[in-house]
Amino acid sequence: MENNIENKDTFNVYNKYLADALAFCGYRYYRFTDNRGKNAYSFKKTEKFMKAFDKIVEVKKTYGQIN
């Protein structure tokens, strides 16, 4: 789901729907193609962002149709 190898100040997400959910919460992302040819969405990694990420994943686990 995420990969943060290149830069410790960014957090990469590989799921467009997750990236859009975080963007809806006000976190801007930058889209790029990684070295494997996959689309990645890069966010500025802050404590507040990581809390939002964790909450969205929690909502998905609790209310999502696929676990």
PDB file of N, CA and C in Angstrom:
ATOM      1  N   MET A   1       0.822  -1.185   0.000  1.00  0.00           N
ATOM      2  CA  MET A   1       0.000   0.000   0.000  1.00  0.00           C
ATOM      3  C   MET A   1       0.866   1.249   0.000  1.00  0.00           C
ATOM      4  N   GLU A   2       1.883   1.259   0.801  1.00  0.00           N
ATOM      5  CA  GLU A   2       2.732   2.439   0.844  1.00  0.00           C
ATOM      6  C   GLU A   2       4.180   2.022   0.733  1.00  0.00           C
ATOM      7  N   ASN A   3       5.020   2.951   0.317  1.00  0.00           N
ATOM      8  CA  ASN A   3       6.446   2.709   0.203  1.00  0.00           C
ATOM      9  C   ASN A   3       7.137   4.034   0.456  1.00  0.00           C
ATOM     10  N   ASN A   4       8.054   4.052   1.383  1.00  0.00           N
ATOM     11  CA  ASN A   4       8.706   5.298   1.748  1.00  0.00           C
ATOM     12  C   ASN A   4      10.214   5.096   1.784  1.00  0.00           C
ATOM     13  N   ILE A   5      10.779   4.604   0.686  1.00  0.00           N
ATOM     14  CA  ILE A   5      12.207   4.300   0.646  1.00  0.00           C
ATOM     15  C   ILE A   5      13.037   5.532   0.306  1.00  0.00           C
ATOM     16  N   GLU A   6      12.620   6.300  -0.703  1.00  0.00           N
ATOM     17  CA  GLU A   6      13.456   7.365  -1.231  1.00  0.00           C
ATOM     18  C   GLU A   6      13.628   8.557  -0.288  1.00  0.00           C
ATOM     19  N   ASN A   7      12.543   9.018   0.313  1.00  0.00           N
ATOM     20  CA  ASN A   7      12.591  10.259   1.065  1.00  0.00           C
ATOM     21  C   ASN A   7      11.808  10.081   2.362  1.00  0.00           C
ATOM     22  N   LYS A   8      12.433  10.406   3.475  1.00  0.00           N
ATOM     23  CA  LYS A   8      11.771  10.222   4.763  1.00  0.00           C
ATOM     24  C   LYS A   8      10.748  11.314   5.060  1.00  0.00           C
ATOM     25  N   ASP A   9      10.698  12.365   4.247  1.00  0.00           N
ATOM     26  CA  ASP A   9       9.732  13.451   4.443  1.00  0.00           C
ATOM     27  C   ASP A   9       8.456  13.244   3.651  1.00  0.00           C
ATOM     28  N   THR A  10       8.405  12.193   2.844  1.00  0.00           N
ATOM     29  CA  THR A  10       7.221  11.913   2.048  1.00  0.00           C
ATOM     30  C   THR A  10       6.706  10.516   2.353  1.00  0.00           C
ATOM     31  N   PHE A  11       5.434  10.307   2.031  1.00  0.00           N
ATOM     32  CA  PHE A  11       4.779   9.024   2.236  1.00  0.00           C
ATOM     33  C   PHE A  11       4.078   8.676   0.940  1.00  0.00           C
ATOM     34  N   ASN A  12       4.437   7.567   0.323  1.00  0.00           N
ATOM     35  CA  ASN A  12       3.885   7.181  -0.966  1.00  0.00           C
ATOM     36  C   ASN A  12       2.771   6.166  -0.798  1.00  0.00           C
ATOM     37  N   VAL A  13       1.687   6.388  -1.535  1.00  0.00           N
ATOM     38  CA  VAL A  13       0.525   5.512  -1.545  1.00  0.00           C
ATOM     39  C   VAL A  13       0.355   5.034  -2.981  1.00  0.00           C
ATOM     40  N   TYR A  14       0.009   3.770  -3.159  1.00  0.00           N
ATOM     41  CA  TYR A  14      -0.154   3.212  -4.492  1.00  0.00           C
ATOM     42  C   TYR A  14      -1.611   2.919  -4.842  1.00  0.00           C
ATOM     43  N   ASN A  15      -2.527   3.325  -4.009  1.00  0.00           N
ATOM     44  CA  ASN A  15      -3.948   3.110  -4.253  1.00  0.00           C
ATOM     45  C   ASN A  15      -4.610   4.467  -4.514  1.00  0.00           C
ATOM     46  N   LYS A  16      -5.150   4.642  -5.722  1.00  0.00           N
ATOM     47  CA  LYS A  16      -5.728   5.939  -6.107  1.00  0.00           C
ATOM     48  C   LYS A  16      -6.892   6.337  -5.210  1.00  0.00           C
ATOM     49  N   TYR A  17      -7.750   5.364  -4.837  1.00  0.00           N
ATOM     50  CA  TYR A  17      -8.904   5.683  -3.995  1.00  0.00           C
ATOM     51  C   TYR A  17      -8.459   6.155  -2.611  1.00  0.00           C
ATOM     52  N   LEU A  18      -7.437   5.540  -2.077  1.00  0.00           N
ATOM     53  CA  LEU A  18      -6.894   5.974  -0.787  1.00  0.00           C
ATOM     54  C   LEU A  18      -6.292   7.368  -0.909  1.00  0.00           C
ATOM     55  N   ALA A  19      -5.558   7.607  -1.978  1.00  0.00           N
ATOM     56  CA  ALA A  19      -4.977   8.931  -2.208  1.00  0.00           C
ATOM     57  C   ALA A  19      -6.070   9.990  -2.337  1.00  0.00           C
ATOM     58  N   ASP A  20      -7.143   9.659  -3.039  1.00  0.00           N
ATOM     59  CA  ASP A  20      -8.243  10.613  -3.201  1.00  0.00           C
ATOM     60  C   ASP A  20      -8.970  10.859  -1.879  1.00  0.00           C
ATOM     61  N   ALA A  21      -9.101   9.825  -1.049  1.00  0.00           N
ATOM     62  CA  ALA A  21      -9.729  10.008   0.268  1.00  0.00           C
ATOM     63  C   ALA A  21      -8.890  10.951   1.126  1.00  0.00           C
ATOM     64  N   LEU A  22      -7.580  10.803   1.070  1.00  0.00           N
ATOM     65  CA  LEU A  22      -6.700  11.703   1.830  1.00  0.00           C
ATOM     66  C   LEU A  22      -6.744  13.113   1.239  1.00  0.00           C
ATOM     67  N   ALA A  23      -6.852  13.215  -0.073  1.00  0.00           N
ATOM     68  CA  ALA A  23      -6.967  14.533  -0.713  1.00  0.00           C
ATOM     69  C   ALA A  23      -8.272  15.206  -0.302  1.00  0.00           C
ATOM     70  N   PHE A  24      -9.344  14.429  -0.172  1.00  0.00           N
ATOM     71  CA  PHE A  24     -10.631  14.961   0.288  1.00  0.00           C
ATOM     72  C   PHE A  24     -10.487  15.559   1.689  1.00  0.00           C
ATOM     73  N   CYS A  25      -9.607  14.993   2.489  1.00  0.00           N
ATOM     74  CA  CYS A  25      -9.360  15.500   3.850  1.00  0.00           C
ATOM     75  C   CYS A  25      -8.425  16.706   3.850  1.00  0.00           C
ATOM     76  N   GLY A  26      -7.952  17.104   2.687  1.00  0.00           N
ATOM     77  CA  GLY A  26      -7.149  18.319   2.594  1.00  0.00           C
ATOM     78  C   GLY A  26      -5.662  18.101   2.406  1.00  0.00           C
ATOM     79  N   TYR A  27      -5.235  16.864   2.196  1.00  0.00           N
ATOM     80  CA  TYR A  27      -3.817  16.578   2.006  1.00  0.00           C
ATOM     81  C   TYR A  27      -3.531  16.463   0.516  1.00  0.00           C
ATOM     82  N   ARG A  28      -2.687  17.350   0.026  1.00  0.00           N
ATOM     83  CA  ARG A  28      -2.370  17.396  -1.392  1.00  0.00           C
ATOM     84  C   ARG A  28      -1.342  16.318  -1.730  1.00  0.00           C
ATOM     85  N   TYR A  29      -1.524  15.675  -2.879  1.00  0.00           N
ATOM     86  CA  TYR A  29      -0.550  14.685  -3.309  1.00  0.00           C
ATOM     87  C   TYR A  29       0.049  15.048  -4.658  1.00  0.00           C
ATOM     88  N   TYR A  30       1.199  14.463  -4.923  1.00  0.00           N
ATOM     89  CA  TYR A  30       1.862  14.588  -6.214  1.00  0.00           C
ATOM     90  C   TYR A  30       1.929  13.192  -6.812  1.00  0.00           C
ATOM     91  N   ARG A  31       1.461  13.065  -8.029  1.00  0.00           N
ATOM     92  CA  ARG A  31       1.444  11.769  -8.701  1.00  0.00           C
ATOM     93  C   ARG A  31       2.704  11.615  -9.538  1.00  0.00           C
ATOM     94  N   PHE A  32       3.306  10.433  -9.489  1.00  0.00           N
ATOM     95  CA  PHE A  32       4.462  10.140 -10.316  1.00  0.00           C
ATOM     96  C   PHE A  32       4.487   8.646 -10.623  1.00  0.00           C
ATOM     97  N   THR A  33       5.325   8.265 -11.548  1.00  0.00           N
ATOM     98  CA  THR A  33       5.518   6.856 -11.885  1.00  0.00           C
ATOM     99  C   THR A  33       6.822   6.410 -11.252  1.00  0.00           C
ATOM    100  N   ASP A  34       6.764   5.348 -10.446  1.00  0.00           N
ATOM    101  CA  ASP A  34       7.972   4.881  -9.763  1.00  0.00           C
ATOM    102  C   ASP A  34       8.844   4.061 -10.717  1.00  0.00           C
ATOM    103  N   ASN A  35       9.944   3.551 -10.201  1.00  0.00           N
ATOM    104  CA  ASN A  35      10.903   2.827 -11.034  1.00  0.00           C
ATOM    105  C   ASN A  35      10.364   1.474 -11.522  1.00  0.00           C
ATOM    106  N   ARG A  36       9.238   1.019 -10.981  1.00  0.00           N
ATOM    107  CA  ARG A  36       8.602  -0.223 -11.443  1.00  0.00           C
ATOM    108  C   ARG A  36       7.516   0.042 -12.474  1.00  0.00           C
ATOM    109  N   GLY A  37       7.277   1.311 -12.769  1.00  0.00           N
ATOM    110  CA  GLY A  37       6.257   1.683 -13.735  1.00  0.00           C
ATOM    111  C   GLY A  37       4.864   1.829 -13.137  1.00  0.00           C
ATOM    112  N   LYS A  38       4.759   1.819 -11.813  1.00  0.00           N
ATOM    113  CA  LYS A  38       3.460   1.953 -11.141  1.00  0.00           C
ATOM    114  C   LYS A  38       3.213   3.410 -10.773  1.00  0.00           C
ATOM    115  N   ASN A  39       1.941   3.824 -10.821  1.00  0.00           N
ATOM    116  CA  ASN A  39       1.569   5.156 -10.376  1.00  0.00           C
ATOM    117  C   ASN A  39       1.678   5.219  -8.859  1.00  0.00           C
ATOM    118  N   ALA A  40       2.273   6.284  -8.366  1.00  0.00           N
ATOM    119  CA  ALA A  40       2.405   6.495  -6.928  1.00  0.00           C
ATOM    120  C   ALA A  40       1.899   7.891  -6.611  1.00  0.00           C
ATOM    121  N   TYR A  41       1.394   8.053  -5.400  1.00  0.00           N
ATOM    122  CA  TYR A  41       0.859   9.327  -4.934  1.00  0.00           C
ATOM    123  C   TYR A  41       1.637   9.689  -3.681  1.00  0.00           C
ATOM    124  N   SER A  42       2.352  10.785  -3.738  1.00  0.00           N
ATOM    125  CA  SER A  42       3.270  11.169  -2.675  1.00  0.00           C
ATOM    126  C   SER A  42       2.681  12.298  -1.844  1.00  0.00           C
ATOM    127  N   PHE A  43       2.675  12.096  -0.539  1.00  0.00           N
ATOM    128  CA  PHE A  43       2.174  13.078   0.419  1.00  0.00           C
ATOM    129  C   PHE A  43       3.306  13.550   1.319  1.00  0.00           C
ATOM    130  N   LYS A  44       3.182  14.780   1.813  1.00  0.00           N
ATOM    131  CA  LYS A  44       4.119  15.260   2.812  1.00  0.00           C
ATOM    132  C   LYS A  44       3.815  14.524   4.121  1.00  0.00           C
ATOM    133  N   LYS A  45       4.814  13.856   4.672  1.00  0.00           N
ATOM    134  CA  LYS A  45       4.627  13.031   5.863  1.00  0.00           C
ATOM    135  C   LYS A  45       4.754  13.895   7.120  1.00  0.00           C
ATOM    136  N   THR A  46       3.627  14.038   7.808  1.00  0.00           N
ATOM    137  CA  THR A  46       3.594  14.744   9.080  1.00  0.00           C
ATOM    138  C   THR A  46       2.857  13.860  10.081  1.00  0.00           C
ATOM    139  N   GLU A  47       2.957  14.202  11.334  1.00  0.00           N
ATOM    140  CA  GLU A  47       2.254  13.439  12.357  1.00  0.00           C
ATOM    141  C   GLU A  47       0.740  13.497  12.132  1.00  0.00           C
ATOM    142  N   LYS A  48       0.240  14.673  11.785  1.00  0.00           N
ATOM    143  CA  LYS A  48      -1.192  14.846  11.550  1.00  0.00           C
ATOM    144  C   LYS A  48      -1.643  14.038  10.327  1.00  0.00           C
ATOM    145  N   PHE A  49      -0.830  14.025   9.264  1.00  0.00           N
ATOM    146  CA  PHE A  49      -1.158  13.232   8.089  1.00  0.00           C
ATOM    147  C   PHE A  49      -1.211  11.744   8.434  1.00  0.00           C
ATOM    148  N   MET A  50      -0.247  11.263   9.203  1.00  0.00           N
ATOM    149  CA  MET A  50      -0.205   9.844   9.544  1.00  0.00           C
ATOM    150  C   MET A  50      -1.412   9.447  10.385  1.00  0.00           C
ATOM    151  N   LYS A  51      -1.896  10.350  11.247  1.00  0.00           N
ATOM    152  CA  LYS A  51      -3.111  10.068  12.012  1.00  0.00           C
ATOM    153  C   LYS A  51      -4.303   9.954  11.073  1.00  0.00           C
ATOM    154  N   ALA A  52      -4.393  10.850  10.086  1.00  0.00           N
ATOM    155  CA  ALA A  52      -5.485  10.799   9.114  1.00  0.00           C
ATOM    156  C   ALA A  52      -5.408   9.506   8.304  1.00  0.00           C
ATOM    157  N   PHE A  53      -4.215   9.119   7.891  1.00  0.00           N
ATOM    158  CA  PHE A  53      -4.015   7.877   7.144  1.00  0.00           C
ATOM    159  C   PHE A  53      -4.492   6.677   7.970  1.00  0.00           C
ATOM    160  N   ASP A  54      -4.077   6.620   9.227  1.00  0.00           N
ATOM    161  CA  ASP A  54      -4.471   5.511  10.103  1.00  0.00           C
ATOM    162  C   ASP A  54      -5.987   5.456  10.291  1.00  0.00           C
ATOM    163  N   LYS A  55      -6.620   6.617  10.447  1.00  0.00           N
ATOM    164  CA  LYS A  55      -8.078   6.656  10.643  1.00  0.00           C
ATOM    165  C   LYS A  55      -8.816   6.185   9.392  1.00  0.00           C
ATOM    166  N   ILE A  56      -8.347   6.583   8.214  1.00  0.00           N
ATOM    167  CA  ILE A  56      -8.996   6.153   6.977  1.00  0.00           C
ATOM    168  C   ILE A  56      -8.852   4.643   6.810  1.00  0.00           C
ATOM    169  N   VAL A  57      -7.696   4.107   7.117  1.00  0.00           N
ATOM    170  CA  VAL A  57      -7.499   2.657   7.032  1.00  0.00           C
ATOM    171  C   VAL A  57      -8.395   1.949   8.049  1.00  0.00           C
ATOM    172  N   GLU A  58      -8.546   2.532   9.235  1.00  0.00           N
ATOM    173  CA  GLU A  58      -9.429   1.963  10.263  1.00  0.00           C
ATOM    174  C   GLU A  58     -10.885   1.954   9.782  1.00  0.00           C
ATOM    175  N   VAL A  59     -11.325   3.043   9.173  1.00  0.00           N
ATOM    176  CA  VAL A  59     -12.690   3.119   8.631  1.00  0.00           C
ATOM    177  C   VAL A  59     -12.881   2.042   7.566  1.00  0.00           C
ATOM    178  N   LYS A  60     -11.903   1.861   6.700  1.00  0.00           N
ATOM    179  CA  LYS A  60     -11.985   0.838   5.653  1.00  0.00           C
ATOM    180  C   LYS A  60     -12.124  -0.553   6.271  1.00  0.00           C
ATOM    181  N   LYS A  61     -11.336  -0.835   7.292  1.00  0.00           N
ATOM    182  CA  LYS A  61     -11.396  -2.150   7.944  1.00  0.00           C
ATOM    183  C   LYS A  61     -12.727  -2.370   8.644  1.00  0.00           C
ATOM    184  N   THR A  62     -13.282  -1.308   9.234  1.00  0.00           N
ATOM    185  CA  THR A  62     -14.534  -1.423   9.989  1.00  0.00           C
ATOM    186  C   THR A  62     -15.758  -1.478   9.079  1.00  0.00           C
ATOM    187  N   TYR A  63     -15.810  -0.608   8.082  1.00  0.00           N
ATOM    188  CA  TYR A  63     -17.017  -0.450   7.279  1.00  0.00           C
ATOM    189  C   TYR A  63     -16.878  -0.913   5.832  1.00  0.00           C
ATOM    190  N   GLY A  64     -15.682  -1.262   5.409  1.00  0.00           N
ATOM    191  CA  GLY A  64     -15.465  -1.662   4.013  1.00  0.00           C
ATOM    192  C   GLY A  64     -16.126  -2.983   3.674  1.00  0.00           C
ATOM    193  N   GLN A  65     -16.445  -3.152   2.426  1.00  0.00           N
ATOM    194  CA  GLN A  65     -17.107  -4.374   1.977  1.00  0.00           C
ATOM    195  C   GLN A  65     -16.124  -5.513   1.787  1.00  0.00           C
ATOM    196  N   ILE A  66     -14.846  -5.191   1.540  1.00  0.00           N
ATOM    197  CA  ILE A  66     -13.815  -6.211   1.383  1.00  0.00           C
ATOM    198  C   ILE A  66     -12.784  -6.028   2.486  1.00  0.00           C
ATOM    199  N   ASN A  67     -12.532  -7.069   3.248  1.00  0.00           N
ATOM    200  CA  ASN A  67     -11.567  -6.964   4.354  1.00  0.00           C
ATOM    201  C   ASN A  67     -10.234  -7.496   3.959  1.00  0.00           C
TER     202      ASN A  67
END
